[in-house]
Amino acid sequence: MITKDDFKSTQPILYQILEKSFKSGNIPHAFLLVGYNNYDAAHFIAKSLICDQDLLCCSKCPDCNKIEKHSYSDFIFFSGKKESIKKQNIDYIQTQFSKSALEGKNQIYMLENIENSSVEAMNSLLKTLEEPRSGVYAILTCVNLNKVLPTIQSRCQVIQLLPETTGILKKQLLEKGISDENGDIMVNIFHSYQECEPYIDSDTFIYIKEEVKYFVEDMYLHKDNLLINVQTHLLKDYKDKESIVLFLNILVLALRDLFHVKHSMNYIFKSFKNIYDVINVNDDIIIFDIDVILETEYLLSTNANILLLIDSMIYKIQKGVS
């Protein structure tokens, strides 16, 4: 968990805004946080709104812990990360918070990634923001501010978050028992702890990393085996877009490491070193392969067929530089 001091150093602008608002008692009824690393910042605000231990949250008291676990009775959370926020979600908030607070303190609703909301939900949310109730606070987050209605933006305290520093992120991962190497990989492909979290206690990350190792070995030492090995291993268990994007991201990072090893530069994949040492390939080929993989990742974002994209990527890699 990020401490108050960590938060003060990593998000000084937000920290100063909150400190000033809480000291004066003039707290905005709605916040809109913009950035990839919005989860911890949003929860910091929520905890501060109900914590009695300090001006801003202590992150240690029972109420702070309840917010962290989403078990506080007067806290409602909906996320637009995996499916869109719908009008019935906003209707539920309006119904619940038309009643007296169960905990006797502020009532808080948090909407994550509100840019992924239906038009009806956006309009309903706008009406709610236009008629705020005393003691009810909205904490909204988004990555793409351009997808949020200007009328919603105008009724919120909009705060652009600073990018999460790799040092803080690495510290959080190590505290969770992630190895030094895997921590370095994660901080190079993810923007925030929240993005890393699904892979911390999952075998998916470890498995896909191993598949990347085999793929790199096949690319340069057993090129004819590429397609059959990918189909019988990686694609046998992982055909979803999220897992394939993770595979491609780690693969690009591994190839950059290969380039770094060739030029006696610092590298991340220490467990790949025995493979790197026996690969003899020129820089143009590595750069070409990285470009092919990045192009595949881009096409994947357009909802193209995953299996066809991987087949095409492997064909281009096997064909090599024209």
C-alpha atoms as a PDB file:
ATOM      1  CA  MET A   1       0.000   0.000   0.000  1.00  0.00           C
ATOM      2  CA  ILE A   2       1.292   3.471  -0.868  1.00  0.00           C
ATOM      3  CA  THR A   3       1.971   5.550   2.248  1.00  0.00           C
ATOM      4  CA  LYS A   4       0.923   9.159   2.667  1.00  0.00           C
ATOM      5  CA  ASP A   5       4.541  10.269   2.235  1.00  0.00           C
ATOM      6  CA  ASP A   6       4.825   8.244  -0.990  1.00  0.00           C
ATOM      7  CA  PHE A   7       1.628   9.824  -2.259  1.00  0.00           C
ATOM      8  CA  LYS A   8       2.830  13.310  -1.321  1.00  0.00           C
ATOM      9  CA  SER A   9       6.041  12.829  -3.330  1.00  0.00           C
ATOM     10  CA  THR A  10       4.509  11.058  -6.358  1.00  0.00           C
ATOM     11  CA  GLN A  11       1.346  13.184  -6.731  1.00  0.00           C
ATOM     12  CA  PRO A  12       2.302  16.588  -5.230  1.00  0.00           C
ATOM     13  CA  ILE A  13      -0.285  18.563  -7.241  1.00  0.00           C
ATOM     14  CA  LEU A  14      -3.204  16.410  -6.140  1.00  0.00           C
ATOM     15  CA  TYR A  15      -1.867  16.277  -2.585  1.00  0.00           C
ATOM     16  CA  GLN A  16      -1.659  20.079  -2.374  1.00  0.00           C
ATOM     17  CA  ILE A  17      -5.178  20.493  -3.796  1.00  0.00           C
ATOM     18  CA  LEU A  18      -6.590  18.040  -1.251  1.00  0.00           C
ATOM     19  CA  GLU A  19      -4.650  19.537   1.660  1.00  0.00           C
ATOM     20  CA  LYS A  20      -5.872  23.036   0.820  1.00  0.00           C
ATOM     21  CA  SER A  21      -9.481  21.899   0.301  1.00  0.00           C
ATOM     22  CA  PHE A  22      -9.656  19.867   3.505  1.00  0.00           C
ATOM     23  CA  LYS A  23      -8.037  22.629   5.587  1.00  0.00           C
ATOM     24  CA  SER A  24     -10.541  25.200   4.336  1.00  0.00           C
ATOM     25  CA  GLY A  25     -13.484  22.800   4.449  1.00  0.00           C
ATOM     26  CA  ASN A  26     -14.255  23.734   0.848  1.00  0.00           C
ATOM     27  CA  ILE A  27     -14.127  20.213  -0.610  1.00  0.00           C
ATOM     28  CA  PRO A  28     -15.378  19.760  -4.211  1.00  0.00           C
ATOM     29  CA  HIS A  29     -18.424  17.499  -4.426  1.00  0.00           C
ATOM     30  CA  ALA A  30     -16.922  15.754  -7.461  1.00  0.00           C
ATOM     31  CA  PHE A  31     -13.374  14.871  -8.524  1.00  0.00           C
ATOM     32  CA  LEU A  32     -12.289  13.693 -11.972  1.00  0.00           C
ATOM     33  CA  LEU A  33      -8.819  12.115 -11.974  1.00  0.00           C
ATOM     34  CA  VAL A  34      -7.113  11.713 -15.338  1.00  0.00           C
ATOM     35  CA  GLY A  35      -4.310   9.181 -15.843  1.00  0.00           C
ATOM     36  CA  TYR A  36      -3.465   5.494 -15.991  1.00  0.00           C
ATOM     37  CA  ASN A  37      -2.554   5.303 -12.309  1.00  0.00           C
ATOM     38  CA  ASN A  38      -5.865   6.621 -10.987  1.00  0.00           C
ATOM     39  CA  TYR A  39      -6.909   3.735  -8.710  1.00  0.00           C
ATOM     40  CA  ASP A  40      -4.722   4.507  -5.688  1.00  0.00           C
ATOM     41  CA  ALA A  41      -5.292   8.266  -6.009  1.00  0.00           C
ATOM     42  CA  ALA A  42      -9.066   7.808  -6.128  1.00  0.00           C
ATOM     43  CA  HIS A  43      -9.035   5.597  -3.049  1.00  0.00           C
ATOM     44  CA  PHE A  44      -6.765   8.051  -1.239  1.00  0.00           C
ATOM     45  CA  ILE A  45      -9.442  10.726  -1.705  1.00  0.00           C
ATOM     46  CA  ALA A  46     -12.223   8.357  -0.634  1.00  0.00           C
ATOM     47  CA  LYS A  47     -10.370   7.391   2.549  1.00  0.00           C
ATOM     48  CA  SER A  48      -9.627  11.033   3.317  1.00  0.00           C
ATOM     49  CA  LEU A  49     -13.353  11.835   3.139  1.00  0.00           C
ATOM     50  CA  ILE A  50     -14.170   9.487   6.017  1.00  0.00           C
ATOM     51  CA  CYS A  51     -10.919   9.185   8.037  1.00  0.00           C
ATOM     52  CA  ASP A  52     -11.037  10.795  11.509  1.00  0.00           C
ATOM     53  CA  GLN A  53      -7.380  10.234  12.346  1.00  0.00           C
ATOM     54  CA  ASP A  54      -5.755  13.040  10.336  1.00  0.00           C
ATOM     55  CA  LEU A  55      -6.479  15.872   7.905  1.00  0.00           C
ATOM     56  CA  LEU A  56      -5.949  13.426   5.037  1.00  0.00           C
ATOM     57  CA  CYS A  57      -6.259   9.665   5.345  1.00  0.00           C
ATOM     58  CA  CYS A  58      -4.057   7.639   7.669  1.00  0.00           C
ATOM     59  CA  SER A  59      -4.596   4.445   5.588  1.00  0.00           C
ATOM     60  CA  LYS A  60      -4.456   2.435   8.835  1.00  0.00           C
ATOM     61  CA  CYS A  61      -7.747   2.941  10.690  1.00  0.00           C
ATOM     62  CA  PRO A  62     -10.765   0.594  10.306  1.00  0.00           C
ATOM     63  CA  ASP A  63     -12.622   3.046   8.051  1.00  0.00           C
ATOM     64  CA  CYS A  64      -9.635   3.418   5.694  1.00  0.00           C
ATOM     65  CA  ASN A  65      -9.291  -0.357   5.535  1.00  0.00           C
ATOM     66  CA  LYS A  66     -12.989  -0.702   4.710  1.00  0.00           C
ATOM     67  CA  ILE A  67     -12.608   1.672   1.762  1.00  0.00           C
ATOM     68  CA  GLU A  68      -9.568  -0.293   0.585  1.00  0.00           C
ATOM     69  CA  LYS A  69     -11.591  -3.523   0.700  1.00  0.00           C
ATOM     70  CA  HIS A  70     -14.778  -1.912  -0.704  1.00  0.00           C
ATOM     71  CA  SER A  71     -16.682  -2.957   2.413  1.00  0.00           C
ATOM     72  CA  TYR A  72     -17.603   0.519   3.716  1.00  0.00           C
ATOM     73  CA  SER A  73     -21.417   0.699   3.856  1.00  0.00           C
ATOM     74  CA  ASP A  74     -21.656   4.169   2.300  1.00  0.00           C
ATOM     75  CA  PHE A  75     -19.216   3.513  -0.539  1.00  0.00           C
ATOM     76  CA  ILE A  76     -20.323   2.413  -4.024  1.00  0.00           C
ATOM     77  CA  PHE A  77     -17.858   1.389  -6.734  1.00  0.00           C
ATOM     78  CA  PHE A  78     -18.482   0.680 -10.410  1.00  0.00           C
ATOM     79  CA  SER A  79     -15.755   0.081 -12.989  1.00  0.00           C
ATOM     80  CA  GLY A  80     -15.842   0.675 -16.733  1.00  0.00           C
ATOM     81  CA  LYS A  81     -12.598  -1.206 -17.351  1.00  0.00           C
ATOM     82  CA  LYS A  82     -14.084  -4.507 -18.527  1.00  0.00           C
ATOM     83  CA  GLU A  83     -17.663  -3.518 -19.332  1.00  0.00           C
ATOM     84  CA  SER A  84     -19.374  -0.193 -19.772  1.00  0.00           C
ATOM     85  CA  ILE A  85     -20.992   1.663 -16.889  1.00  0.00           C
ATOM     86  CA  LYS A  86     -24.747   1.624 -17.456  1.00  0.00           C
ATOM     87  CA  LYS A  87     -27.661   3.866 -16.550  1.00  0.00           C
ATOM     88  CA  GLN A  88     -28.915   1.358 -13.970  1.00  0.00           C
ATOM     89  CA  ASN A  89     -25.599   1.726 -12.140  1.00  0.00           C
ATOM     90  CA  ILE A  90     -26.178   5.472 -11.815  1.00  0.00           C
ATOM     91  CA  ASP A  91     -29.816   4.886 -10.857  1.00  0.00           C
ATOM     92  CA  TYR A  92     -28.641   2.552  -8.088  1.00  0.00           C
ATOM     93  CA  ILE A  93     -26.313   5.240  -6.712  1.00  0.00           C
ATOM     94  CA  GLN A  94     -29.116   7.813  -6.750  1.00  0.00           C
ATOM     95  CA  THR A  95     -31.475   5.436  -4.927  1.00  0.00           C
ATOM     96  CA  GLN A  96     -28.978   4.352  -2.274  1.00  0.00           C
ATOM     97  CA  PHE A  97     -27.708   7.821  -1.512  1.00  0.00           C
ATOM     98  CA  SER A  98     -31.185   9.347  -1.280  1.00  0.00           C
ATOM     99  CA  LYS A  99     -31.258   7.595   2.125  1.00  0.00           C
ATOM    100  CA  SER A 100     -29.427   8.559   5.308  1.00  0.00           C
ATOM    101  CA  ALA A 101     -25.817   7.477   5.654  1.00  0.00           C
ATOM    102  CA  LEU A 102     -25.497   4.094   7.365  1.00  0.00           C
ATOM    103  CA  GLU A 103     -22.059   4.897   8.802  1.00  0.00           C
ATOM    104  CA  GLY A 104     -23.025   8.410   9.869  1.00  0.00           C
ATOM    105  CA  LYS A 105     -20.306   9.977   7.713  1.00  0.00           C
ATOM    106  CA  ASN A 106     -19.904  11.033   4.080  1.00  0.00           C
ATOM    107  CA  GLN A 107     -21.341   8.919   1.275  1.00  0.00           C
ATOM    108  CA  ILE A 108     -19.003   8.265  -1.643  1.00  0.00           C
ATOM    109  CA  TYR A 109     -19.409   6.783  -5.088  1.00  0.00           C
ATOM    110  CA  MET A 110     -16.473   5.978  -7.334  1.00  0.00           C
ATOM    111  CA  LEU A 111     -16.782   5.414 -11.079  1.00  0.00           C
ATOM    112  CA  GLU A 112     -13.639   4.026 -12.687  1.00  0.00           C
ATOM    113  CA  ASN A 113     -12.936   4.715 -16.366  1.00  0.00           C
ATOM    114  CA  ILE A 114     -16.111   6.717 -16.941  1.00  0.00           C
ATOM    115  CA  GLU A 115     -15.172   7.242 -20.574  1.00  0.00           C
ATOM    116  CA  ASN A 116     -16.465   3.678 -20.956  1.00  0.00           C
ATOM    117  CA  SER A 117     -20.045   4.610 -20.064  1.00  0.00           C
ATOM    118  CA  SER A 118     -23.203   4.391 -22.121  1.00  0.00           C
ATOM    119  CA  VAL A 119     -24.684   7.668 -23.373  1.00  0.00           C
ATOM    120  CA  GLU A 120     -27.660   7.124 -21.051  1.00  0.00           C
ATOM    121  CA  ALA A 121     -25.325   6.628 -18.072  1.00  0.00           C
ATOM    122  CA  MET A 122     -23.384   9.801 -18.922  1.00  0.00           C
ATOM    123  CA  ASN A 123     -26.594  11.839 -19.108  1.00  0.00           C
ATOM    124  CA  SER A 124     -27.886  10.382 -15.847  1.00  0.00           C
ATOM    125  CA  LEU A 125     -24.541  11.074 -14.157  1.00  0.00           C
ATOM    126  CA  LEU A 126     -24.624  14.649 -15.438  1.00  0.00           C
ATOM    127  CA  LYS A 127     -28.017  15.191 -13.805  1.00  0.00           C
ATOM    128  CA  THR A 128     -26.680  13.769 -10.543  1.00  0.00           C
ATOM    129  CA  LEU A 129     -23.680  16.113 -10.641  1.00  0.00           C
ATOM    130  CA  GLU A 130     -25.906  19.083 -11.423  1.00  0.00           C
ATOM    131  CA  GLU A 131     -27.933  18.484  -8.270  1.00  0.00           C
ATOM    132  CA  PRO A 132     -25.365  17.445  -5.636  1.00  0.00           C
ATOM    133  CA  ARG A 133     -26.538  16.419  -2.178  1.00  0.00           C
ATOM    134  CA  SER A 134     -24.719  17.534   0.943  1.00  0.00           C
ATOM    135  CA  GLY A 135     -22.397  14.830   2.220  1.00  0.00           C
ATOM    136  CA  VAL A 136     -22.357  12.905  -1.074  1.00  0.00           C
ATOM    137  CA  TYR A 137     -19.095  12.916  -3.017  1.00  0.00           C
ATOM    138  CA  ALA A 138     -18.273  11.624  -6.503  1.00  0.00           C
ATOM    139  CA  ILE A 139     -14.812  10.364  -7.421  1.00  0.00           C
ATOM    140  CA  LEU A 140     -14.553   9.724 -11.149  1.00  0.00           C
ATOM    141  CA  THR A 141     -11.546   8.479 -13.084  1.00  0.00           C
ATOM    142  CA  CYS A 142     -10.618   8.245 -16.741  1.00  0.00           C
ATOM    143  CA  VAL A 143      -7.649   7.663 -18.997  1.00  0.00           C
ATOM    144  CA  ASN A 144      -8.941   9.586 -22.025  1.00  0.00           C
ATOM    145  CA  LEU A 145     -10.410  12.938 -20.981  1.00  0.00           C
ATOM    146  CA  ASN A 146     -11.527  13.664 -24.554  1.00  0.00           C
ATOM    147  CA  LYS A 147     -14.170  10.933 -24.241  1.00  0.00           C
ATOM    148  CA  VAL A 148     -15.789  12.542 -21.200  1.00  0.00           C
ATOM    149  CA  LEU A 149     -18.621  15.013 -21.786  1.00  0.00           C
ATOM    150  CA  PRO A 150     -17.417  18.615 -21.327  1.00  0.00           C
ATOM    151  CA  THR A 151     -20.521  19.257 -19.212  1.00  0.00           C
ATOM    152  CA  ILE A 152     -19.393  16.537 -16.787  1.00  0.00           C
ATOM    153  CA  GLN A 153     -15.849  17.899 -16.741  1.00  0.00           C
ATOM    154  CA  SER A 154     -17.162  21.377 -15.906  1.00  0.00           C
ATOM    155  CA  ARG A 155     -18.918  20.072 -12.777  1.00  0.00           C
ATOM    156  CA  CYS A 156     -15.833  18.327 -11.396  1.00  0.00           C
ATOM    157  CA  GLN A 157     -12.468  19.255  -9.988  1.00  0.00           C
ATOM    158  CA  VAL A 158     -10.395  17.865 -12.893  1.00  0.00           C
ATOM    159  CA  ILE A 159      -6.879  16.791 -11.915  1.00  0.00           C
ATOM    160  CA  GLN A 160      -4.248  15.404 -14.295  1.00  0.00           C
ATOM    161  CA  LEU A 161      -2.212  12.793 -12.421  1.00  0.00           C
ATOM    162  CA  LEU A 162       1.530  12.551 -12.840  1.00  0.00           C
ATOM    163  CA  PRO A 163       2.787   9.250 -14.284  1.00  0.00           C
ATOM    164  CA  GLU A 164       3.591   6.686 -11.601  1.00  0.00           C
ATOM    165  CA  THR A 165       7.338   6.489 -11.045  1.00  0.00           C
ATOM    166  CA  THR A 166       8.916   3.136 -11.782  1.00  0.00           C
ATOM    167  CA  GLY A 167      10.674   3.238  -8.405  1.00  0.00           C
ATOM    168  CA  ILE A 168       7.435   3.380  -6.425  1.00  0.00           C
ATOM    169  CA  LEU A 169       5.799   0.766  -8.640  1.00  0.00           C
ATOM    170  CA  LYS A 170       8.780  -1.588  -8.324  1.00  0.00           C
ATOM    171  CA  LYS A 171       8.718  -1.152  -4.538  1.00  0.00           C
ATOM    172  CA  GLN A 172       5.046  -2.156  -4.405  1.00  0.00           C
ATOM    173  CA  LEU A 173       5.689  -5.242  -6.522  1.00  0.00           C
ATOM    174  CA  LEU A 174       8.672  -6.380  -4.460  1.00  0.00           C
ATOM    175  CA  GLU A 175       6.585  -6.009  -1.295  1.00  0.00           C
ATOM    176  CA  LYS A 176       4.135  -8.466  -2.851  1.00  0.00           C
ATOM    177  CA  GLY A 177       6.877 -11.038  -3.369  1.00  0.00           C
ATOM    178  CA  ILE A 178       7.472 -10.443  -7.086  1.00  0.00           C
ATOM    179  CA  SER A 179      11.026 -11.316  -8.141  1.00  0.00           C
ATOM    180  CA  ASP A 180      13.411  -8.528  -9.104  1.00  0.00           C
ATOM    181  CA  GLU A 181      13.431  -9.604 -12.763  1.00  0.00           C
ATOM    182  CA  ASN A 182       9.649  -9.919 -13.047  1.00  0.00           C
ATOM    183  CA  GLY A 183       9.270  -6.583 -11.270  1.00  0.00           C
ATOM    184  CA  ASP A 184      11.499  -4.924 -13.861  1.00  0.00           C
ATOM    185  CA  ILE A 185       9.497  -6.501 -16.678  1.00  0.00           C
ATOM    186  CA  MET A 186       6.199  -5.313 -15.197  1.00  0.00           C
ATOM    187  CA  VAL A 187       7.299  -1.713 -14.653  1.00  0.00           C
ATOM    188  CA  ASN A 188       8.400  -1.588 -18.286  1.00  0.00           C
ATOM    189  CA  ILE A 189       5.081  -2.777 -19.744  1.00  0.00           C
ATOM    190  CA  PHE A 190       2.459  -1.524 -17.267  1.00  0.00           C
ATOM    191  CA  HIS A 191       1.554   2.033 -16.276  1.00  0.00           C
ATOM    192  CA  SER A 192       0.325   1.388 -12.724  1.00  0.00           C
ATOM    193  CA  TYR A 193       0.131  -1.104  -9.871  1.00  0.00           C
ATOM    194  CA  GLN A 194      -3.521  -1.671 -10.704  1.00  0.00           C
ATOM    195  CA  GLU A 195      -2.558  -2.987 -14.152  1.00  0.00           C
ATOM    196  CA  CYS A 196       0.050  -5.307 -12.596  1.00  0.00           C
ATOM    197  CA  GLU A 197      -2.251  -6.599  -9.861  1.00  0.00           C
ATOM    198  CA  PRO A 198      -4.120  -9.293 -11.864  1.00  0.00           C
ATOM    199  CA  TYR A 199      -0.774 -11.010 -12.597  1.00  0.00           C
ATOM    200  CA  ILE A 200       0.730 -10.907  -9.107  1.00  0.00           C
ATOM    201  CA  ASP A 201      -0.897 -14.096  -7.791  1.00  0.00           C
ATOM    202  CA  SER A 202      -1.583 -15.624 -11.192  1.00  0.00           C
ATOM    203  CA  ASP A 203       0.343 -18.236 -13.153  1.00  0.00           C
ATOM    204  CA  THR A 204      -0.502 -16.426 -16.402  1.00  0.00           C
ATOM    205  CA  PHE A 205       2.412 -13.983 -16.267  1.00  0.00           C
ATOM    206  CA  ILE A 206       4.965 -16.721 -15.516  1.00  0.00           C
ATOM    207  CA  TYR A 207       3.594 -19.009 -18.237  1.00  0.00           C
ATOM    208  CA  ILE A 208       3.518 -16.288 -20.900  1.00  0.00           C
ATOM    209  CA  LYS A 209       7.021 -15.142 -19.983  1.00  0.00           C
ATOM    210  CA  GLU A 210       8.238 -18.749 -20.506  1.00  0.00           C
ATOM    211  CA  GLU A 211       6.466 -18.848 -23.874  1.00  0.00           C
ATOM    212  CA  VAL A 212       8.315 -15.655 -24.840  1.00  0.00           C
ATOM    213  CA  LYS A 213      11.598 -17.352 -23.940  1.00  0.00           C
ATOM    214  CA  TYR A 214      10.793 -20.326 -26.191  1.00  0.00           C
ATOM    215  CA  PHE A 215       9.599 -18.003 -28.951  1.00  0.00           C
ATOM    216  CA  VAL A 216      12.862 -16.001 -28.934  1.00  0.00           C
ATOM    217  CA  GLU A 217      14.854 -19.231 -29.034  1.00  0.00           C
ATOM    218  CA  ASP A 218      12.818 -20.507 -31.995  1.00  0.00           C
ATOM    219  CA  MET A 219      13.013 -17.145 -33.803  1.00  0.00           C
ATOM    220  CA  TYR A 220      16.760 -17.289 -34.139  1.00  0.00           C
ATOM    221  CA  LEU A 221      17.738 -20.933 -33.620  1.00  0.00           C
ATOM    222  CA  HIS A 222      14.770 -23.051 -34.794  1.00  0.00           C
ATOM    223  CA  LYS A 223      12.726 -20.735 -37.028  1.00  0.00           C
ATOM    224  CA  ASP A 224      10.801 -23.576 -38.704  1.00  0.00           C
ATOM    225  CA  ASN A 225       9.346 -24.564 -35.310  1.00  0.00           C
ATOM    226  CA  LEU A 226       7.797 -21.155 -34.583  1.00  0.00           C
ATOM    227  CA  LEU A 227       4.264 -21.728 -35.831  1.00  0.00           C
ATOM    228  CA  ILE A 228       3.743 -25.255 -34.519  1.00  0.00           C
ATOM    229  CA  ASN A 229       5.152 -24.410 -31.076  1.00  0.00           C
ATOM    230  CA  VAL A 230       2.980 -21.298 -30.713  1.00  0.00           C
ATOM    231  CA  GLN A 231      -0.128 -23.207 -31.758  1.00  0.00           C
ATOM    232  CA  THR A 232       0.501 -26.181 -29.480  1.00  0.00           C
ATOM    233  CA  HIS A 233       1.593 -24.157 -26.431  1.00  0.00           C
ATOM    234  CA  LEU A 234       0.642 -20.472 -26.191  1.00  0.00           C
ATOM    235  CA  LEU A 235      -2.502 -20.504 -28.331  1.00  0.00           C
ATOM    236  CA  LYS A 236      -3.685 -23.787 -26.847  1.00  0.00           C
ATOM    237  CA  ASP A 237      -4.474 -22.105 -23.511  1.00  0.00           C
ATOM    238  CA  TYR A 238      -4.428 -18.373 -24.264  1.00  0.00           C
ATOM    239  CA  LYS A 239      -6.503 -17.082 -27.154  1.00  0.00           C
ATOM    240  CA  ASP A 240      -7.900 -13.970 -25.455  1.00  0.00           C
ATOM    241  CA  LYS A 241      -6.791 -10.513 -26.538  1.00  0.00           C
ATOM    242  CA  GLU A 242      -5.460  -9.465 -23.118  1.00  0.00           C
ATOM    243  CA  SER A 243      -3.088 -12.443 -22.853  1.00  0.00           C
ATOM    244  CA  ILE A 244      -1.823 -12.048 -26.424  1.00  0.00           C
ATOM    245  CA  VAL A 245      -1.140  -8.335 -25.834  1.00  0.00           C
ATOM    246  CA  LEU A 246       0.839  -9.302 -22.720  1.00  0.00           C
ATOM    247  CA  PHE A 247       2.789 -11.868 -24.770  1.00  0.00           C
ATOM    248  CA  LEU A 248       3.616  -9.309 -27.477  1.00  0.00           C
ATOM    249  CA  ASN A 249       4.658  -6.663 -24.935  1.00  0.00           C
ATOM    250  CA  ILE A 250       7.015  -9.048 -23.132  1.00  0.00           C
ATOM    251  CA  LEU A 251       8.343 -10.275 -26.487  1.00  0.00           C
ATOM    252  CA  VAL A 252       9.227  -6.748 -27.623  1.00  0.00           C
ATOM    253  CA  LEU A 253      10.969  -6.114 -24.295  1.00  0.00           C
ATOM    254  CA  ALA A 254      12.911  -9.384 -24.621  1.00  0.00           C
ATOM    255  CA  LEU A 255      14.103  -8.485 -28.134  1.00  0.00           C
ATOM    256  CA  ARG A 256      15.219  -5.056 -26.929  1.00  0.00           C
ATOM    257  CA  ASP A 257      17.158  -6.900 -24.239  1.00  0.00           C
ATOM    258  CA  LEU A 258      18.793  -9.066 -26.912  1.00  0.00           C
ATOM    259  CA  PHE A 259      19.926  -5.861 -28.639  1.00  0.00           C
ATOM    260  CA  HIS A 260      21.260  -4.522 -25.313  1.00  0.00           C
ATOM    261  CA  VAL A 261      23.187  -7.718 -24.570  1.00  0.00           C
ATOM    262  CA  LYS A 262      24.829  -7.578 -28.024  1.00  0.00           C
ATOM    263  CA  HIS A 263      26.020  -4.064 -27.247  1.00  0.00           C
ATOM    264  CA  SER A 264      27.088  -4.755 -23.634  1.00  0.00           C
ATOM    265  CA  MET A 265      24.280  -2.611 -22.202  1.00  0.00           C
ATOM    266  CA  ASN A 266      22.162  -3.232 -19.087  1.00  0.00           C
ATOM    267  CA  TYR A 267      19.408  -5.766 -19.604  1.00  0.00           C
ATOM    268  CA  ILE A 268      16.389  -7.140 -17.689  1.00  0.00           C
ATOM    269  CA  PHE A 269      15.910 -10.813 -18.632  1.00  0.00           C
ATOM    270  CA  LYS A 270      18.755 -12.392 -16.666  1.00  0.00           C
ATOM    271  CA  SER A 271      17.014 -15.783 -16.994  1.00  0.00           C
ATOM    272  CA  PHE A 272      17.258 -15.477 -20.817  1.00  0.00           C
ATOM    273  CA  LYS A 273      21.030 -14.879 -20.822  1.00  0.00           C
ATOM    274  CA  ASN A 274      21.958 -18.446 -21.838  1.00  0.00           C
ATOM    275  CA  ILE A 275      19.796 -18.068 -24.961  1.00  0.00           C
ATOM    276  CA  TYR A 276      21.018 -14.568 -25.764  1.00  0.00           C
ATOM    277  CA  ASP A 277      24.629 -15.783 -25.627  1.00  0.00           C
ATOM    278  CA  VAL A 278      24.157 -18.331 -28.445  1.00  0.00           C
ATOM    279  CA  ILE A 279      22.095 -16.100 -30.760  1.00  0.00           C
ATOM    280  CA  ASN A 280      24.180 -14.551 -33.508  1.00  0.00           C
ATOM    281  CA  VAL A 281      22.037 -12.072 -35.410  1.00  0.00           C
ATOM    282  CA  ASN A 282      22.631  -8.573 -36.733  1.00  0.00           C
ATOM    283  CA  ASP A 283      20.880  -5.446 -35.486  1.00  0.00           C
ATOM    284  CA  ASP A 284      18.778  -4.973 -38.629  1.00  0.00           C
ATOM    285  CA  ILE A 285      17.029  -8.302 -38.092  1.00  0.00           C
ATOM    286  CA  ILE A 286      16.224  -7.533 -34.443  1.00  0.00           C
ATOM    287  CA  ILE A 287      14.828  -4.115 -35.360  1.00  0.00           C
ATOM    288  CA  PHE A 288      12.792  -5.629 -38.209  1.00  0.00           C
ATOM    289  CA  ASP A 289      11.314  -8.273 -35.880  1.00  0.00           C
ATOM    290  CA  ILE A 290      10.424  -5.663 -33.259  1.00  0.00           C
ATOM    291  CA  ASP A 291       8.624  -3.603 -35.920  1.00  0.00           C
ATOM    292  CA  VAL A 292       6.646  -6.664 -37.054  1.00  0.00           C
ATOM    293  CA  ILE A 293       5.558  -7.403 -33.478  1.00  0.00           C
ATOM    294  CA  LEU A 294       4.580  -3.778 -32.813  1.00  0.00           C
ATOM    295  CA  GLU A 295       2.551  -3.746 -36.032  1.00  0.00           C
ATOM    296  CA  THR A 296       0.784  -6.930 -34.879  1.00  0.00           C
ATOM    297  CA  GLU A 297      -0.034  -5.339 -31.526  1.00  0.00           C
ATOM    298  CA  TYR A 298      -1.473  -2.294 -33.287  1.00  0.00           C
ATOM    299  CA  LEU A 299      -3.646  -4.452 -35.565  1.00  0.00           C
ATOM    300  CA  LEU A 300      -4.827  -6.369 -32.507  1.00  0.00           C
ATOM    301  CA  SER A 301      -6.250  -3.109 -31.136  1.00  0.00           C
ATOM    302  CA  THR A 302      -8.463  -2.884 -34.256  1.00  0.00           C
ATOM    303  CA  ASN A 303     -10.204  -6.148 -33.264  1.00  0.00           C
ATOM    304  CA  ALA A 304      -8.639  -8.162 -36.078  1.00  0.00           C
ATOM    305  CA  ASN A 305      -8.698 -11.968 -35.794  1.00  0.00           C
ATOM    306  CA  ILE A 306      -6.086 -13.027 -33.218  1.00  0.00           C
ATOM    307  CA  LEU A 307      -5.124 -16.360 -34.786  1.00  0.00           C
ATOM    308  CA  LEU A 308      -4.739 -14.875 -38.258  1.00  0.00           C
ATOM    309  CA  LEU A 309      -2.646 -12.002 -36.880  1.00  0.00           C
ATOM    310  CA  ILE A 310      -0.253 -14.356 -35.096  1.00  0.00           C
ATOM    311  CA  ASP A 311       0.054 -16.539 -38.200  1.00  0.00           C
ATOM    312  CA  SER A 312       0.814 -13.451 -40.297  1.00  0.00           C
ATOM    313  CA  MET A 313       3.357 -12.186 -37.755  1.00  0.00           C
ATOM    314  CA  ILE A 314       5.204 -15.511 -37.747  1.00  0.00           C
ATOM    315  CA  TYR A 315       5.203 -15.653 -41.558  1.00  0.00           C
ATOM    316  CA  LYS A 316       6.812 -12.197 -41.735  1.00  0.00           C
ATOM    317  CA  ILE A 317       9.414 -13.117 -39.103  1.00  0.00           C
ATOM    318  CA  GLN A 318      10.274 -16.332 -40.944  1.00  0.00           C
ATOM    319  CA  LYS A 319      10.523 -14.477 -44.247  1.00  0.00           C
ATOM    320  CA  GLY A 320      12.849 -11.927 -42.648  1.00  0.00           C
ATOM    321  CA  VAL A 321      14.181  -8.592 -43.845  1.00  0.00           C
ATOM    322  CA  SER A 322      13.410  -7.973 -47.536  1.00  0.00           C
END
